[in-house]
Amino acid sequence: MADRFDIGRIDDVIHGRLRLGVMAYLADAEVADFNELKSVLEVTQGNLSIQLRKLEEAGYVAIEKSFLGRKPRTRARITPAGRDAFARYLEALGKLIGQSPAA
């Protein structure tokens, strides 16, 4: 049981509810517009900005800013490091609750 129950393997950057939501969404979608994430996660613009910055600082997401016509556009994209970290997070969580990693 001690081998399985290693709470230290849980990535604190990902583990926050909103950051976990961002990572789970981007793991499937790969890239998402800021407003799309805001809507899906039902969160304020300020809170999402802060959480995306934390994920960006960890190297888990890349933020792309551009213009669509004259409108600013912000997109978040999961990075290869973010994809790896999310897979490790899911594996660690699975071990904590007694599930074997998926084959």
C-alpha atoms as a PDB file:
ATOM      1  CA  MET A   1       0.000   0.000   0.000  1.00  0.00           C
ATOM      2  CA  ALA A   2       2.830   2.447   0.775  1.00  0.00           C
ATOM      3  CA  ASP A   3       4.120   2.148  -2.803  1.00  0.00           C
ATOM      4  CA  ARG A   4       0.700   2.973  -4.169  1.00  0.00           C
ATOM      5  CA  PHE A   5      -0.163   5.773  -1.750  1.00  0.00           C
ATOM      6  CA  ASP A   6       2.370   8.447  -2.659  1.00  0.00           C
ATOM      7  CA  ILE A   7       0.571  11.772  -2.357  1.00  0.00           C
ATOM      8  CA  GLY A   8       3.826  13.535  -3.258  1.00  0.00           C
ATOM      9  CA  ARG A   9       3.430  12.459  -6.880  1.00  0.00           C
ATOM     10  CA  ILE A  10       0.369  14.684  -7.308  1.00  0.00           C
ATOM     11  CA  ASP A  11       1.379  17.756  -9.326  1.00  0.00           C
ATOM     12  CA  ASP A  12       0.219  20.800  -7.335  1.00  0.00           C
ATOM     13  CA  VAL A  13       0.237  22.987 -10.446  1.00  0.00           C
ATOM     14  CA  ILE A  14      -2.354  20.779 -12.137  1.00  0.00           C
ATOM     15  CA  HIS A  15      -4.289  19.757  -9.023  1.00  0.00           C
ATOM     16  CA  GLY A  16      -6.202  23.021  -8.559  1.00  0.00           C
ATOM     17  CA  ARG A  17      -9.791  22.564  -9.754  1.00  0.00           C
ATOM     18  CA  LEU A  18      -9.647  25.190 -12.489  1.00  0.00           C
ATOM     19  CA  ARG A  19      -6.141  24.261 -13.689  1.00  0.00           C
ATOM     20  CA  LEU A  20      -7.214  20.604 -13.805  1.00  0.00           C
ATOM     21  CA  GLY A  21     -10.203  21.646 -15.913  1.00  0.00           C
ATOM     22  CA  VAL A  22      -7.978  23.562 -18.315  1.00  0.00           C
ATOM     23  CA  MET A  23      -5.569  20.644 -18.658  1.00  0.00           C
ATOM     24  CA  ALA A  24      -8.348  18.086 -19.140  1.00  0.00           C
ATOM     25  CA  TYR A  25     -10.013  20.246 -21.783  1.00  0.00           C
ATOM     26  CA  LEU A  26      -6.784  20.975 -23.652  1.00  0.00           C
ATOM     27  CA  ALA A  27      -5.653  17.343 -23.482  1.00  0.00           C
ATOM     28  CA  ASP A  28      -8.645  16.569 -25.688  1.00  0.00           C
ATOM     29  CA  ALA A  29      -8.983  19.785 -27.715  1.00  0.00           C
ATOM     30  CA  GLU A  30      -5.237  20.563 -28.000  1.00  0.00           C
ATOM     31  CA  VAL A  31      -5.968  24.301 -28.356  1.00  0.00           C
ATOM     32  CA  ALA A  32      -8.818  26.541 -27.225  1.00  0.00           C
ATOM     33  CA  ASP A  33      -9.757  30.194 -27.390  1.00  0.00           C
ATOM     34  CA  PHE A  34      -9.766  32.056 -24.087  1.00  0.00           C
ATOM     35  CA  ASN A  35     -13.509  32.718 -24.290  1.00  0.00           C
ATOM     36  CA  GLU A  36     -14.182  29.071 -25.064  1.00  0.00           C
ATOM     37  CA  LEU A  37     -12.317  28.025 -21.906  1.00  0.00           C
ATOM     38  CA  LYS A  38     -14.053  30.735 -19.889  1.00  0.00           C
ATOM     39  CA  SER A  39     -17.455  29.472 -21.029  1.00  0.00           C
ATOM     40  CA  VAL A  40     -16.750  25.749 -20.641  1.00  0.00           C
ATOM     41  CA  LEU A  41     -15.209  26.162 -17.187  1.00  0.00           C
ATOM     42  CA  GLU A  42     -17.787  28.753 -16.077  1.00  0.00           C
ATOM     43  CA  VAL A  43     -15.170  31.078 -14.625  1.00  0.00           C
ATOM     44  CA  THR A  44     -14.407  34.785 -14.637  1.00  0.00           C
ATOM     45  CA  GLN A  45     -11.926  36.297 -17.043  1.00  0.00           C
ATOM     46  CA  GLY A  46      -9.601  37.358 -14.218  1.00  0.00           C
ATOM     47  CA  ASN A  47      -9.544  33.970 -12.542  1.00  0.00           C
ATOM     48  CA  LEU A  48      -8.919  32.150 -15.828  1.00  0.00           C
ATOM     49  CA  SER A  49      -6.091  34.551 -16.682  1.00  0.00           C
ATOM     50  CA  ILE A  50      -4.363  33.867 -13.360  1.00  0.00           C
ATOM     51  CA  GLN A  51      -4.694  30.094 -13.688  1.00  0.00           C
ATOM     52  CA  LEU A  52      -3.492  30.082 -17.306  1.00  0.00           C
ATOM     53  CA  ARG A  53      -0.468  32.135 -16.251  1.00  0.00           C
ATOM     54  CA  LYS A  54       0.406  29.514 -13.605  1.00  0.00           C
ATOM     55  CA  LEU A  55       0.153  26.741 -16.195  1.00  0.00           C
ATOM     56  CA  GLU A  56       2.199  28.788 -18.652  1.00  0.00           C
ATOM     57  CA  GLU A  57       4.916  29.453 -16.046  1.00  0.00           C
ATOM     58  CA  ALA A  58       5.120  25.703 -15.425  1.00  0.00           C
ATOM     59  CA  GLY A  59       5.539  25.138 -19.179  1.00  0.00           C
ATOM     60  CA  TYR A  60       2.297  23.158 -19.417  1.00  0.00           C
ATOM     61  CA  VAL A  61       0.454  25.520 -21.767  1.00  0.00           C
ATOM     62  CA  ALA A  62       1.547  28.045 -24.361  1.00  0.00           C
ATOM     63  CA  ILE A  63      -0.455  31.242 -24.706  1.00  0.00           C
ATOM     64  CA  GLU A  64      -0.771  32.612 -28.234  1.00  0.00           C
ATOM     65  CA  LYS A  65      -1.926  36.199 -28.704  1.00  0.00           C
ATOM     66  CA  SER A  66      -2.955  37.456 -32.112  1.00  0.00           C
ATOM     67  CA  PHE A  67      -5.608  39.521 -33.827  1.00  0.00           C
ATOM     68  CA  LEU A  68      -8.597  38.330 -35.792  1.00  0.00           C
ATOM     69  CA  GLY A  69      -9.281  41.407 -37.842  1.00  0.00           C
ATOM     70  CA  ARG A  70      -9.079  44.138 -35.225  1.00  0.00           C
ATOM     71  CA  LYS A  71     -10.157  41.920 -32.351  1.00  0.00           C
ATOM     72  CA  PRO A  72      -7.518  40.531 -29.990  1.00  0.00           C
ATOM     73  CA  ARG A  73      -7.482  36.756 -29.783  1.00  0.00           C
ATOM     74  CA  THR A  74      -5.932  34.694 -27.010  1.00  0.00           C
ATOM     75  CA  ARG A  75      -5.537  30.950 -27.380  1.00  0.00           C
ATOM     76  CA  ALA A  76      -4.156  28.347 -24.995  1.00  0.00           C
ATOM     77  CA  ARG A  77      -2.378  25.279 -26.321  1.00  0.00           C
ATOM     78  CA  ILE A  78      -1.183  22.290 -24.318  1.00  0.00           C
ATOM     79  CA  THR A  79       2.571  21.777 -24.684  1.00  0.00           C
ATOM     80  CA  PRO A  80       4.341  18.420 -24.974  1.00  0.00           C
ATOM     81  CA  ALA A  81       5.614  18.962 -21.407  1.00  0.00           C
ATOM     82  CA  GLY A  82       2.041  19.695 -20.325  1.00  0.00           C
ATOM     83  CA  ARG A  83       0.748  16.546 -21.982  1.00  0.00           C
ATOM     84  CA  ASP A  84       3.440  14.491 -20.202  1.00  0.00           C
ATOM     85  CA  ALA A  85       2.739  16.172 -16.855  1.00  0.00           C
ATOM     86  CA  PHE A  86      -0.999  15.556 -17.242  1.00  0.00           C
ATOM     87  CA  ALA A  87      -0.405  11.867 -18.031  1.00  0.00           C
ATOM     88  CA  ARG A  88       1.813  11.568 -14.922  1.00  0.00           C
ATOM     89  CA  TYR A  89      -0.820  13.360 -12.853  1.00  0.00           C
ATOM     90  CA  LEU A  90      -3.547  10.962 -14.000  1.00  0.00           C
ATOM     91  CA  GLU A  91      -1.315   7.971 -13.326  1.00  0.00           C
ATOM     92  CA  ALA A  92      -0.476   9.215  -9.819  1.00  0.00           C
ATOM     93  CA  LEU A  93      -4.133   9.914  -9.097  1.00  0.00           C
ATOM     94  CA  GLY A  94      -5.078   6.472 -10.367  1.00  0.00           C
ATOM     95  CA  LYS A  95      -2.553   4.867  -8.022  1.00  0.00           C
ATOM     96  CA  LEU A  96      -3.927   6.837  -5.087  1.00  0.00           C
ATOM     97  CA  ILE A  97      -7.427   5.521  -5.688  1.00  0.00           C
ATOM     98  CA  GLY A  98      -6.225   2.019  -6.460  1.00  0.00           C
ATOM     99  CA  GLN A  99      -6.550   1.901 -10.217  1.00  0.00           C
ATOM    100  CA  SER A 100      -3.899   0.525 -12.509  1.00  0.00           C
ATOM    101  CA  PRO A 101      -2.733   2.794 -15.334  1.00  0.00           C
ATOM    102  CA  ALA A 102      -4.556   2.210 -18.607  1.00  0.00           C
ATOM    103  CA  ALA A 103      -2.774  -0.070 -21.039  1.00  0.00           C
END
